[in-house]
């Protein structure tokens, strides 16, 4: 539940900040007639993201076990790729995102009728699709440990609701948070989560006989950390930790988490510190 909460909180807050910047700039430049176009793009992005999530959830029914595991494993790898790109993109582009969005608004306002809706759709839809894919992959890994499906869904709903509330409070100027620290801590946490999703995806591919070594275990701590125990379920639900980990899963986890974390933290340290008050706060 915690992993799902932080995934949707981070991604939801990114989307909320994007919408806030778009709306703030339109309001400040006295072009309120463009607001319905922004909201139309946001609504379309939400519908597309929900449809994508439903397709991921129900699209594999009727397939053989091996086919399901193969598709699940491939999608898990894609999800890891997307979330890794998202983490580094946000760390690199956070300071210039406001300027870029304003430039796109000016260009879209002079363009066709649906140009601004398309800007909002692409900006928010990217976050929504990434969230749907990564949340699905993390949930699939959690349910393999008999974690109730409703737990990650509740966590995702709470994270999304919190993100919307924070975005609104930032928009109204009632809340100022250090977004640099927020995205640094959540980025580091999501790298660990992504490592677990990667290992689970490798395991799926092994069960589909696409990759070898299913019975070649790196370690087996099932006696110490039973999968059915509360702490085993907690570790599985948050970090996708498996008490029975194959050599290939372990190698993949280390080769992903160690260099990715190193590069991410190095990028964060090289960034010039950003004051909390630099968060774009629109006028009311």
Protein backbone atom coordinates (compact mmCIF):
# COMPACT_ATOMS: atom_id res chain seq x y z
CA UNK A 1 0.00 0.00 0.00
CA UNK A 2 2.84 2.42 0.85
CA UNK A 3 4.53 1.89 -2.51
CA UNK A 4 1.26 2.52 -4.36
CA UNK A 5 0.63 5.60 -2.21
CA UNK A 6 4.04 7.13 -2.98
CA UNK A 7 3.84 6.26 -6.68
CA UNK A 8 0.54 8.07 -7.18
CA UNK A 9 1.52 10.86 -4.75
CA UNK A 10 4.67 11.67 -6.69
CA UNK A 11 3.21 11.29 -10.17
CA UNK A 12 -0.06 12.94 -9.14
CA UNK A 13 1.78 15.92 -7.68
CA UNK A 14 3.79 16.30 -10.86
CA UNK A 15 0.58 16.34 -12.89
CA UNK A 16 -1.07 18.72 -10.42
CA UNK A 17 1.87 21.13 -10.65
CA UNK A 18 1.72 21.02 -14.43
CA UNK A 19 -1.99 21.84 -14.41
CA UNK A 20 -1.40 24.60 -11.83
CA UNK A 21 1.27 26.19 -14.00
CA UNK A 22 -0.95 26.05 -17.09
CA UNK A 23 -3.95 27.55 -15.29
CA UNK A 24 -1.86 30.16 -13.46
CA UNK A 25 -0.28 31.43 -16.65
CA UNK A 26 -3.61 31.61 -18.45
CA UNK A 27 -5.17 33.50 -15.54
CA UNK A 28 -2.24 35.88 -15.14
CA UNK A 29 -2.26 36.74 -18.85
CA UNK A 30 -6.03 37.36 -18.70
CA UNK A 31 -6.94 34.57 -21.11
CA UNK A 32 -9.51 32.80 -18.95
CA UNK A 33 -11.44 31.77 -22.06
CA UNK A 34 -8.70 29.16 -22.60
CA UNK A 35 -9.39 27.40 -19.27
CA UNK A 36 -12.06 25.01 -20.68
CA UNK A 37 -9.52 23.81 -23.24
CA UNK A 38 -7.02 22.98 -20.49
CA UNK A 39 -9.63 21.10 -18.47
CA UNK A 40 -10.76 19.22 -21.60
CA UNK A 41 -7.19 18.01 -22.15
CA UNK A 42 -6.86 17.01 -18.49
CA UNK A 43 -10.15 15.08 -18.61
CA UNK A 44 -9.09 13.27 -21.78
CA UNK A 45 -5.75 12.34 -20.18
CA UNK A 46 -7.55 10.88 -17.13
CA UNK A 47 -9.91 8.81 -19.29
CA UNK A 48 -7.07 7.48 -21.45
CA UNK A 49 -4.98 6.58 -18.39
CA UNK A 50 -7.89 4.74 -16.75
CA UNK A 51 -8.59 2.89 -19.99
CA UNK A 52 -4.93 1.91 -20.24
CA UNK A 53 -5.02 0.61 -16.67
CA UNK A 54 -8.15 -1.43 -17.42
CA UNK A 55 -6.52 -2.86 -20.54
CA UNK A 56 -3.47 -3.93 -18.53
CA UNK A 57 -5.68 -5.53 -15.87
CA UNK A 58 -8.14 -7.43 -18.05
CA UNK A 59 -6.36 -7.71 -21.40
CA UNK A 60 -4.45 -10.92 -20.59
CA UNK A 61 -7.48 -13.04 -19.65
CA UNK A 62 -7.96 -16.14 -21.75
CA UNK A 63 -4.25 -16.53 -22.52
CA UNK A 64 -2.13 -19.49 -21.45
CA UNK A 65 -0.12 -19.25 -18.23
CA UNK A 66 3.15 -18.95 -20.14
CA UNK A 67 1.76 -16.20 -22.37
CA UNK A 68 0.45 -14.28 -19.36
CA UNK A 69 3.79 -14.53 -17.60
CA UNK A 70 5.66 -13.47 -20.74
CA UNK A 71 3.46 -10.40 -21.25
CA UNK A 72 3.58 -9.55 -17.55
CA UNK A 73 7.36 -9.82 -17.47
CA UNK A 74 7.81 -7.68 -20.56
CA UNK A 75 5.45 -5.00 -19.24
CA UNK A 76 7.29 -4.98 -15.92
CA UNK A 77 10.55 -4.25 -17.73
CA UNK A 78 8.86 -1.48 -19.70
CA UNK A 79 7.44 -0.05 -16.47
CA UNK A 80 10.91 0.03 -14.91
CA UNK A 81 12.26 1.82 -17.96
CA UNK A 82 9.50 4.43 -17.84
CA UNK A 83 9.77 5.15 -14.13
CA UNK A 84 13.57 5.42 -14.37
CA UNK A 85 13.26 7.91 -17.20
CA UNK A 86 10.63 9.84 -15.21
CA UNK A 87 12.83 10.05 -12.10
CA UNK A 88 15.84 11.42 -14.00
CA UNK A 89 13.72 13.70 -16.18
CA UNK A 90 12.12 15.34 -13.15
CA UNK A 91 15.48 15.73 -11.41
CA UNK A 92 16.93 17.40 -14.49
CA UNK A 93 14.01 19.48 -15.77
CA UNK A 94 12.23 20.59 -12.58
CA UNK A 95 13.74 24.08 -12.62
CA UNK A 96 12.80 24.82 -16.22
CA UNK A 97 9.42 23.12 -16.48
CA UNK A 98 7.46 26.31 -15.75
CA UNK A 99 9.17 28.28 -18.54
CA UNK A 100 8.72 25.46 -21.04
CA UNK A 101 5.00 25.07 -20.26
CA UNK A 102 4.42 28.81 -20.60
CA UNK A 103 6.09 28.78 -23.98
CA UNK A 104 3.83 25.92 -25.05
CA UNK A 105 0.74 27.80 -23.84
CA UNK A 106 1.70 30.87 -25.90
CA UNK A 107 2.29 28.74 -28.96
CA UNK A 108 -0.93 26.74 -28.51
CA UNK A 109 -3.03 29.86 -27.86
CA UNK A 110 -2.06 31.14 -31.29
CA UNK A 111 -2.65 27.76 -32.88
CA UNK A 112 -5.77 25.76 -33.61
CA UNK A 113 -8.83 25.38 -31.42
CA UNK A 114 -7.64 22.16 -29.80
CA UNK A 115 -3.93 22.98 -29.57
CA UNK A 116 -4.02 23.92 -25.87
CA UNK A 117 -6.12 20.85 -25.06
CA UNK A 118 -3.44 18.77 -26.72
CA UNK A 119 -0.73 20.44 -24.62
CA UNK A 120 -2.64 19.58 -21.42
CA UNK A 121 -3.42 16.07 -22.69
CA UNK A 122 0.21 15.27 -23.47
CA UNK A 123 1.60 16.86 -20.30
CA UNK A 124 -0.84 15.14 -17.93
CA UNK A 125 -1.36 12.01 -20.00
CA UNK A 126 2.33 11.12 -19.87
CA UNK A 127 2.20 11.13 -16.09
CA UNK A 128 -1.05 9.15 -16.10
CA UNK A 129 0.18 6.43 -18.44
CA UNK A 130 3.45 6.05 -16.53
CA UNK A 131 1.52 5.82 -13.27
CA UNK A 132 -0.93 3.24 -14.64
CA UNK A 133 1.84 1.02 -16.01
CA UNK A 134 4.14 1.19 -12.98
CA UNK A 135 1.27 0.85 -10.51
CA UNK A 136 0.00 -2.21 -12.39
CA UNK A 137 3.45 -3.80 -12.37
CA UNK A 138 3.94 -3.11 -8.65
CA UNK A 139 0.45 -4.40 -7.84
CA UNK A 140 1.01 -7.59 -9.84
CA UNK A 141 4.15 -8.26 -7.83
CA UNK A 142 2.35 -7.62 -4.56
CA UNK A 143 -0.61 -9.87 -5.32
CA UNK A 144 1.76 -12.77 -5.93
CA UNK A 145 2.31 -12.75 -2.16
CA UNK A 146 -1.44 -13.01 -1.53
CA UNK A 147 -1.64 -9.29 -0.75
CA UNK A 148 -5.31 -8.25 -1.08
CA UNK A 149 -5.86 -6.33 -4.32
CA UNK A 150 -7.75 -3.59 -2.50
CA UNK A 151 -4.70 -2.57 -0.46
CA UNK A 152 -2.61 -1.13 -3.33
CA UNK A 153 -5.76 0.36 -4.85
CA UNK A 154 -6.58 2.14 -1.60
CA UNK A 155 -2.98 3.31 -1.32
CA UNK A 156 -3.10 4.60 -4.90
CA UNK A 157 -6.38 6.43 -4.27
CA UNK A 158 -5.03 8.04 -1.09
CA UNK A 159 -1.84 9.09 -2.87
CA UNK A 160 -3.75 10.59 -5.76
CA UNK A 161 -6.15 12.41 -3.44
CA UNK A 162 -3.25 13.81 -1.41
CA UNK A 163 -1.51 14.94 -4.60
CA UNK A 164 -4.61 16.76 -5.81
CA UNK A 165 -5.02 18.46 -2.42
CA UNK A 166 -1.34 19.50 -2.30
CA UNK A 167 -1.54 20.78 -5.86
CA UNK A 168 -4.58 22.88 -5.03
CA UNK A 169 -2.99 24.29 -1.86
CA UNK A 170 0.17 25.17 -3.77
CA UNK A 171 -1.97 26.83 -6.43
CA UNK A 172 -3.78 28.91 -3.83
CA UNK A 173 -0.51 29.81 -2.14
CA UNK A 174 -1.53 28.20 1.15
CA UNK A 175 1.32 25.69 1.12
CA UNK A 176 4.96 25.94 0.21
CA UNK A 177 6.98 22.74 0.20
CA UNK A 178 10.55 22.02 -0.79
CA UNK A 179 9.85 20.21 -4.04
CA UNK A 180 13.53 19.52 -4.61
CA UNK A 181 13.77 17.47 -1.41
CA UNK A 182 10.39 15.84 -2.05
CA UNK A 183 11.34 14.58 -5.50
CA UNK A 184 14.80 13.53 -4.29
CA UNK A 185 13.49 11.32 -1.46
CA UNK A 186 10.62 9.85 -3.48
CA UNK A 187 12.93 9.32 -6.45
CA UNK A 188 15.39 7.34 -4.34
CA UNK A 189 12.55 5.27 -2.87
CA UNK A 190 11.07 4.55 -6.30
CA UNK A 191 14.43 3.31 -7.55
CA UNK A 192 14.30 0.62 -4.83
CA UNK A 193 10.68 -0.18 -5.76
CA UNK A 194 11.61 -0.31 -9.45
CA UNK A 195 14.42 -2.74 -8.62
CA UNK A 196 11.85 -5.05 -7.05
CA UNK A 197 9.55 -4.72 -10.06
CA UNK A 198 12.50 -5.55 -12.33
CA UNK A 199 13.31 -8.68 -10.30
CA UNK A 200 9.66 -9.72 -10.38
CA UNK A 201 9.58 -9.18 -14.14
CA UNK A 202 12.66 -11.37 -14.52
CA UNK A 203 10.92 -14.05 -12.44
CA UNK A 204 7.85 -13.85 -14.72
CA UNK A 205 10.05 -14.33 -17.77
CA UNK A 206 11.68 -17.32 -16.09
CA UNK A 207 8.30 -18.86 -15.36
CA UNK A 208 7.37 -18.32 -19.01
CA UNK A 209 10.54 -20.28 -19.93
CA UNK A 210 11.76 -17.17 -21.79
CA UNK A 211 14.75 -16.88 -19.45
CA UNK A 212 16.61 -19.78 -17.79
CA UNK A 213 17.49 -20.39 -14.15
CA UNK A 214 14.08 -20.62 -12.48
CA UNK A 215 15.33 -23.28 -10.06
CA UNK A 216 18.77 -21.76 -9.59
CA UNK A 217 18.28 -19.89 -6.31
CA UNK A 218 20.62 -17.19 -5.03
CA UNK A 219 19.13 -17.49 -1.55
CA UNK A 220 16.09 -18.92 0.20
CA UNK A 221 15.09 -17.22 3.46
CA UNK A 222 11.52 -18.53 3.51
CA UNK A 223 12.05 -20.05 6.96
CA UNK A 224 13.21 -16.71 8.37
CA UNK A 225 10.84 -14.49 6.38
CA UNK A 226 7.75 -16.58 5.59
CA UNK A 227 5.85 -15.10 2.62
CA UNK A 228 2.59 -15.45 4.58
CA UNK A 229 3.89 -13.52 7.61
CA UNK A 230 2.96 -9.88 8.15
CA UNK A 231 6.55 -8.72 7.67
CA UNK A 232 7.01 -10.93 4.62
CA UNK A 233 3.83 -9.48 3.14
CA UNK A 234 4.99 -5.97 4.04
CA UNK A 235 8.37 -6.42 2.36
CA UNK A 236 6.70 -7.90 -0.70
CA UNK A 237 4.06 -5.21 -0.90
CA UNK A 238 6.49 -2.31 -0.56
CA UNK A 239 9.78 -3.50 -2.06
CA UNK A 240 8.63 -6.61 -3.99
CA UNK A 241 11.10 -8.63 -1.92
CA UNK A 242 10.96 -12.36 -2.58
CA UNK A 243 12.27 -14.79 0.10
CA UNK A 244 13.15 -17.17 -2.74
CA UNK A 245 15.25 -15.18 -5.20
CA UNK A 246 16.93 -16.68 -8.23
CA UNK A 247 20.47 -15.79 -9.24
CA UNK A 248 19.23 -13.90 -12.30
CA UNK A 249 16.75 -11.89 -10.24
CA UNK A 250 19.42 -10.93 -7.71
CA UNK A 251 21.96 -9.98 -10.36
CA UNK A 252 19.37 -7.89 -12.22
CA UNK A 253 18.38 -6.08 -8.99
CA UNK A 254 21.98 -5.21 -8.10
CA UNK A 255 22.93 -4.17 -11.64
CA UNK A 256 19.92 -1.86 -11.77
CA UNK A 257 19.67 -0.37 -8.26
CA UNK A 258 23.36 0.31 -7.53
CA UNK A 259 24.32 2.27 -10.68
CA UNK A 260 20.91 3.94 -10.99
CA UNK A 261 20.97 5.15 -7.39
CA UNK A 262 24.55 6.35 -7.78
CA UNK A 263 23.78 8.34 -10.94
CA UNK A 264 20.58 9.77 -9.46
CA UNK A 265 22.22 10.95 -6.24
CA UNK A 266 25.15 12.38 -8.15
CA UNK A 267 22.76 14.34 -10.38
CA UNK A 268 20.86 15.63 -7.35
CA UNK A 269 24.07 16.76 -5.62
CA UNK A 270 25.25 18.62 -8.71
CA UNK A 271 22.02 20.59 -8.96
CA UNK A 272 22.05 24.08 -7.58
CA UNK A 273 19.85 24.24 -4.44
CA UNK A 274 16.34 25.54 -5.15
CA UNK A 275 14.52 27.55 -2.51
CA UNK A 276 11.04 26.31 -1.56
CA UNK A 277 9.53 29.65 -2.54
CA UNK A 278 10.56 29.10 -6.13
CA UNK A 279 7.57 26.80 -6.57
CA UNK A 280 5.27 28.58 -9.09
CA UNK A 281 2.40 29.96 -7.02
CA UNK A 282 -0.38 31.60 -9.01
CA UNK A 283 -2.20 34.67 -7.92
CA UNK A 284 -5.76 34.13 -6.76
